[in-house]
């Protein structure tokens, strides 16, 4: 998919992609609001994305997605170069895009498409931006209109409610243990049914979460189906 507010820039990327018949252009958009529902509703493997867009920027577009495709940034402003590489973009192209430089980017695309895709999200942490693999997130906590994500030895804030995330994440992996927390079931280390009637789950990194009575019934049903944890 190509996202750029300049028609001439979109046409140029389309012209360059015409030399690579194995890559299909699924859609185009000229701003974030137009692009987001298309990305969420279609299978986009690679996103050619301008950073400077009217309204929300390319970075803000990525922040609004729960599942982020591979990204090649395209922009006329080189001050974004370091920031783009910090977020581990597939590549970064300066306008006007040279054909030989575009060919190198496509070579990376083909290499990436040859491996299993990573299910990722995009978050801002202060002045830095990061792609994070969902399989490294072990705990999500509700913080009003935000969610705090715990992964590896870090935690970041995501501008999304826990309810919104629950409806869009893989329910075979993520489970809502109570009103304020959701866990990645692959990180479960121990399950406790305490004498006081409360139920707890210990996660591999060391956190303990309380399972509400209502969710404990659902969790036991999952266990009864033979779900494998860890």
Protein backbone atom coordinates (compact mmCIF):
# COMPACT_ATOMS: atom_id res chain seq x y z
CA UNK A 1 0.00 0.00 0.00
CA UNK A 2 1.16 3.55 -0.79
CA UNK A 3 0.30 6.39 1.61
CA UNK A 4 1.35 9.87 0.48
CA UNK A 5 -0.55 13.14 0.27
CA UNK A 6 1.07 14.08 -3.05
CA UNK A 7 -0.50 12.41 -6.08
CA UNK A 8 2.73 12.86 -8.06
CA UNK A 9 4.67 11.03 -5.32
CA UNK A 10 2.18 8.16 -5.30
CA UNK A 11 2.37 7.94 -9.08
CA UNK A 12 6.17 7.82 -8.89
CA UNK A 13 6.12 4.89 -6.44
CA UNK A 14 3.52 3.19 -8.62
CA UNK A 15 5.77 3.70 -11.66
CA UNK A 16 8.77 2.25 -9.84
CA UNK A 17 6.75 -0.73 -8.59
CA UNK A 18 5.63 -1.47 -12.17
CA UNK A 19 9.09 -2.93 -12.71
CA UNK A 20 8.39 -5.58 -10.05
CA UNK A 21 5.37 -7.62 -11.22
CA UNK A 22 5.61 -9.93 -8.18
CA UNK A 23 4.50 -7.02 -5.97
CA UNK A 24 0.84 -6.02 -6.16
CA UNK A 25 -0.40 -2.56 -5.17
CA UNK A 26 -3.45 -3.25 -3.02
CA UNK A 27 -4.45 0.33 -2.22
CA UNK A 28 -3.45 3.99 -2.02
CA UNK A 29 -4.34 6.78 0.42
CA UNK A 30 -3.41 10.42 0.84
CA UNK A 31 -3.80 10.75 4.62
CA UNK A 32 -3.83 8.71 7.83
CA UNK A 33 -7.60 8.79 8.38
CA UNK A 34 -8.16 7.34 4.91
CA UNK A 35 -5.37 4.78 5.23
CA UNK A 36 -6.09 3.29 8.66
CA UNK A 37 -9.37 1.45 7.88
CA UNK A 38 -7.85 0.10 4.67
CA UNK A 39 -4.78 -1.24 6.48
CA UNK A 40 -6.94 -2.77 9.21
CA UNK A 41 -9.30 -4.37 6.71
CA UNK A 42 -6.86 -5.68 4.10
CA UNK A 43 -3.78 -7.89 4.18
CA UNK A 44 -0.97 -5.39 3.65
CA UNK A 45 2.52 -6.92 3.64
CA UNK A 46 4.46 -3.72 2.94
CA UNK A 47 3.52 -0.09 3.53
CA UNK A 48 5.22 2.69 1.55
CA UNK A 49 4.59 5.55 3.96
CA UNK A 50 5.23 9.28 3.79
CA UNK A 51 6.05 10.69 7.24
CA UNK A 52 4.73 14.21 6.58
CA UNK A 53 0.98 13.81 6.05
CA UNK A 54 -1.84 16.33 6.50
CA UNK A 55 -3.42 15.93 9.92
CA UNK A 56 -1.83 12.92 11.57
CA UNK A 57 1.77 12.10 10.62
CA UNK A 58 2.98 8.75 9.34
CA UNK A 59 4.27 7.97 12.84
CA UNK A 60 0.86 8.75 14.34
CA UNK A 61 -0.77 6.54 11.71
CA UNK A 62 1.39 3.60 12.83
CA UNK A 63 0.66 4.33 16.49
CA UNK A 64 -3.06 3.89 15.85
CA UNK A 65 -2.65 0.35 14.46
CA UNK A 66 -2.76 -2.79 16.58
CA UNK A 67 -1.09 -4.87 13.85
CA UNK A 68 1.59 -3.03 11.87
CA UNK A 69 2.84 -4.23 8.47
CA UNK A 70 6.43 -3.88 7.29
CA UNK A 71 7.18 -0.23 6.62
CA UNK A 72 9.30 1.65 4.10
CA UNK A 73 9.35 5.36 4.95
CA UNK A 74 9.43 7.82 2.08
CA UNK A 75 9.97 11.52 2.80
CA UNK A 76 11.64 14.70 1.63
CA UNK A 77 12.88 15.57 5.13
CA UNK A 78 16.15 13.92 6.09
CA UNK A 79 15.86 14.95 9.77
CA UNK A 80 13.52 12.00 10.16
CA UNK A 81 16.17 9.51 9.04
CA UNK A 82 17.58 8.68 12.47
CA UNK A 83 14.12 8.43 14.00
CA UNK A 84 12.97 6.12 11.22
CA UNK A 85 15.90 3.78 11.70
CA UNK A 86 15.30 3.77 15.46
CA UNK A 87 11.91 2.24 14.82
CA UNK A 88 13.46 -0.53 12.72
CA UNK A 89 11.70 0.35 9.52
CA UNK A 90 12.36 -1.96 6.62
CA UNK A 91 14.00 0.96 4.79
CA UNK A 92 14.03 4.73 4.45
CA UNK A 93 13.88 6.46 1.06
CA UNK A 94 14.47 10.13 0.33
CA UNK A 95 12.43 12.02 -2.30
CA UNK A 96 13.00 12.10 -5.18
CA UNK A 97 13.54 8.34 -5.04
CA UNK A 98 16.35 7.08 -7.24
CA UNK A 99 15.71 3.85 -9.14
CA UNK A 100 18.88 2.14 -7.90
CA UNK A 101 18.01 3.07 -4.28
CA UNK A 102 14.47 1.80 -4.79
CA UNK A 103 15.86 -1.48 -6.12
CA UNK A 104 17.83 -1.96 -2.89
CA UNK A 105 14.66 -1.38 -0.87
CA UNK A 106 12.77 -3.95 -2.95
CA UNK A 107 15.57 -6.44 -2.39
CA UNK A 108 14.96 -6.04 1.35
CA UNK A 109 11.23 -6.45 0.81
CA UNK A 110 11.75 -9.74 -1.02
CA UNK A 111 14.09 -10.98 1.69
CA UNK A 112 11.58 -10.08 4.41
CA UNK A 113 8.67 -11.68 2.59
CA UNK A 114 10.66 -14.90 2.48
CA UNK A 115 10.44 -15.29 6.28
CA UNK A 116 7.47 -15.66 8.58
CA UNK A 117 5.81 -12.28 9.22
CA UNK A 118 6.10 -10.76 12.67
CA UNK A 119 2.94 -9.58 14.41
CA UNK A 120 3.98 -6.14 15.60
CA UNK A 121 2.74 -2.85 16.96
CA UNK A 122 4.25 0.63 16.88
CA UNK A 123 4.63 2.78 20.00
CA UNK A 124 6.18 6.08 21.01
CA UNK A 125 8.32 6.17 24.15
CA UNK A 126 9.20 9.80 24.80
CA UNK A 127 11.02 11.01 21.71
CA UNK A 128 11.76 7.50 20.45
CA UNK A 129 9.60 5.22 18.35
CA UNK A 130 9.71 1.43 18.38
CA UNK A 131 8.25 -1.59 16.65
CA UNK A 132 7.41 -4.23 19.28
CA UNK A 133 6.57 -7.85 18.57
CA UNK A 134 3.29 -8.86 20.19
CA UNK A 135 4.76 -12.21 21.21
CA UNK A 136 7.13 -10.37 23.60
CA UNK A 137 4.25 -8.59 25.40
CA UNK A 138 3.35 -10.57 28.54
CA UNK A 139 1.06 -8.16 30.43
CA UNK A 140 -1.28 -5.29 29.46
CA UNK A 141 -2.81 -2.97 32.05
CA UNK A 142 -5.61 -0.45 31.67
CA UNK A 143 -4.67 3.18 32.31
CA UNK A 144 -7.96 4.98 31.52
CA UNK A 145 -7.74 5.75 27.76
CA UNK A 146 -4.28 4.21 27.53
CA UNK A 147 -2.82 0.75 28.00
CA UNK A 148 0.52 -0.02 29.64
CA UNK A 149 2.37 -2.81 27.84
CA UNK A 150 5.02 -4.89 29.58
CA UNK A 151 7.59 -6.60 27.33
CA UNK A 152 11.09 -7.93 27.97
CA UNK A 153 12.35 -5.66 30.79
CA UNK A 154 10.48 -2.58 29.53
CA UNK A 155 7.05 -0.99 29.67
CA UNK A 156 5.45 1.57 27.37
CA UNK A 157 2.12 3.36 27.03
CA UNK A 158 -0.15 2.71 24.08
CA UNK A 159 -3.00 5.09 23.21
CA UNK A 160 -5.73 2.48 23.26
CA UNK A 161 -8.25 1.25 25.80
CA UNK A 162 -8.02 -2.30 27.11
CA UNK A 163 -11.49 -3.03 25.69
CA UNK A 164 -10.35 -1.98 22.21
CA UNK A 165 -7.24 -4.14 22.42
CA UNK A 166 -9.17 -7.14 23.68
CA UNK A 167 -11.48 -7.02 20.67
CA UNK A 168 -8.58 -6.90 18.21
CA UNK A 169 -5.95 -9.22 19.71
CA UNK A 170 -5.67 -12.98 19.20
CA UNK A 171 -7.87 -14.51 21.91
CA UNK A 172 -5.96 -17.76 21.65
CA UNK A 173 -2.94 -15.87 23.01
CA UNK A 174 -4.25 -12.99 25.13
CA UNK A 175 -6.72 -13.41 28.00
CA UNK A 176 -8.52 -10.73 30.04
CA UNK A 177 -7.99 -11.80 33.67
CA UNK A 178 -9.89 -8.90 35.24
CA UNK A 179 -11.27 -5.46 34.39
CA UNK A 180 -7.83 -3.85 34.40
CA UNK A 181 -5.41 -6.51 33.13
CA UNK A 182 -4.86 -8.84 30.18
CA UNK A 183 -2.09 -11.44 29.95
CA UNK A 184 -0.25 -13.34 27.25
CA UNK A 185 -1.01 -16.95 28.16
CA UNK A 186 2.32 -18.14 26.77
CA UNK A 187 3.98 -16.49 29.78
CA UNK A 188 2.00 -18.34 32.48
CA UNK A 189 4.27 -20.10 34.98
CA UNK A 190 1.88 -21.04 37.82
CA UNK A 191 -1.85 -21.05 38.50
CA UNK A 192 -3.18 -20.71 42.05
CA UNK A 193 -6.65 -21.30 43.45
CA UNK A 194 -6.20 -19.81 46.93
CA UNK A 195 -8.15 -20.89 50.06
CA UNK A 196 -9.71 -17.41 50.28
CA UNK A 197 -11.56 -18.18 47.06
CA UNK A 198 -9.43 -15.90 44.94
CA UNK A 199 -7.47 -17.16 41.95
CA UNK A 200 -4.05 -15.96 40.83
CA UNK A 201 -1.74 -16.45 37.86
CA UNK A 202 2.03 -16.04 38.05
CA UNK A 203 3.80 -14.91 34.89
CA UNK A 204 7.31 -15.93 33.85
CA UNK A 205 8.78 -12.42 34.39
CA UNK A 206 7.58 -12.53 38.02
CA UNK A 207 4.29 -10.61 38.03
CA UNK A 208 1.23 -12.03 39.77
CA UNK A 209 -2.26 -11.13 38.56
CA UNK A 210 -5.63 -11.73 40.19
CA UNK A 211 -8.27 -13.50 38.12
CA UNK A 212 -11.81 -12.25 38.68
CA UNK A 213 -14.46 -14.81 39.59
CA UNK A 214 -16.22 -14.38 36.26
CA UNK A 215 -13.01 -14.69 34.24
CA UNK A 216 -11.84 -17.66 36.31
CA UNK A 217 -14.79 -19.67 34.97
CA UNK A 218 -13.75 -18.77 31.40
CA UNK A 219 -10.12 -19.57 32.18
CA UNK A 220 -10.97 -23.02 33.55
CA UNK A 221 -12.88 -23.74 30.34
CA UNK A 222 -9.76 -22.84 28.36
CA UNK A 223 -7.68 -25.18 30.52
CA UNK A 224 -10.23 -27.95 30.08
CA UNK A 225 -9.79 -27.72 26.30
CA UNK A 226 -6.11 -28.61 26.71
CA UNK A 227 -4.55 -25.20 26.03
CA UNK A 228 -0.76 -25.37 26.32
CA UNK A 229 0.90 -22.61 28.30
CA UNK A 230 4.54 -21.45 28.07
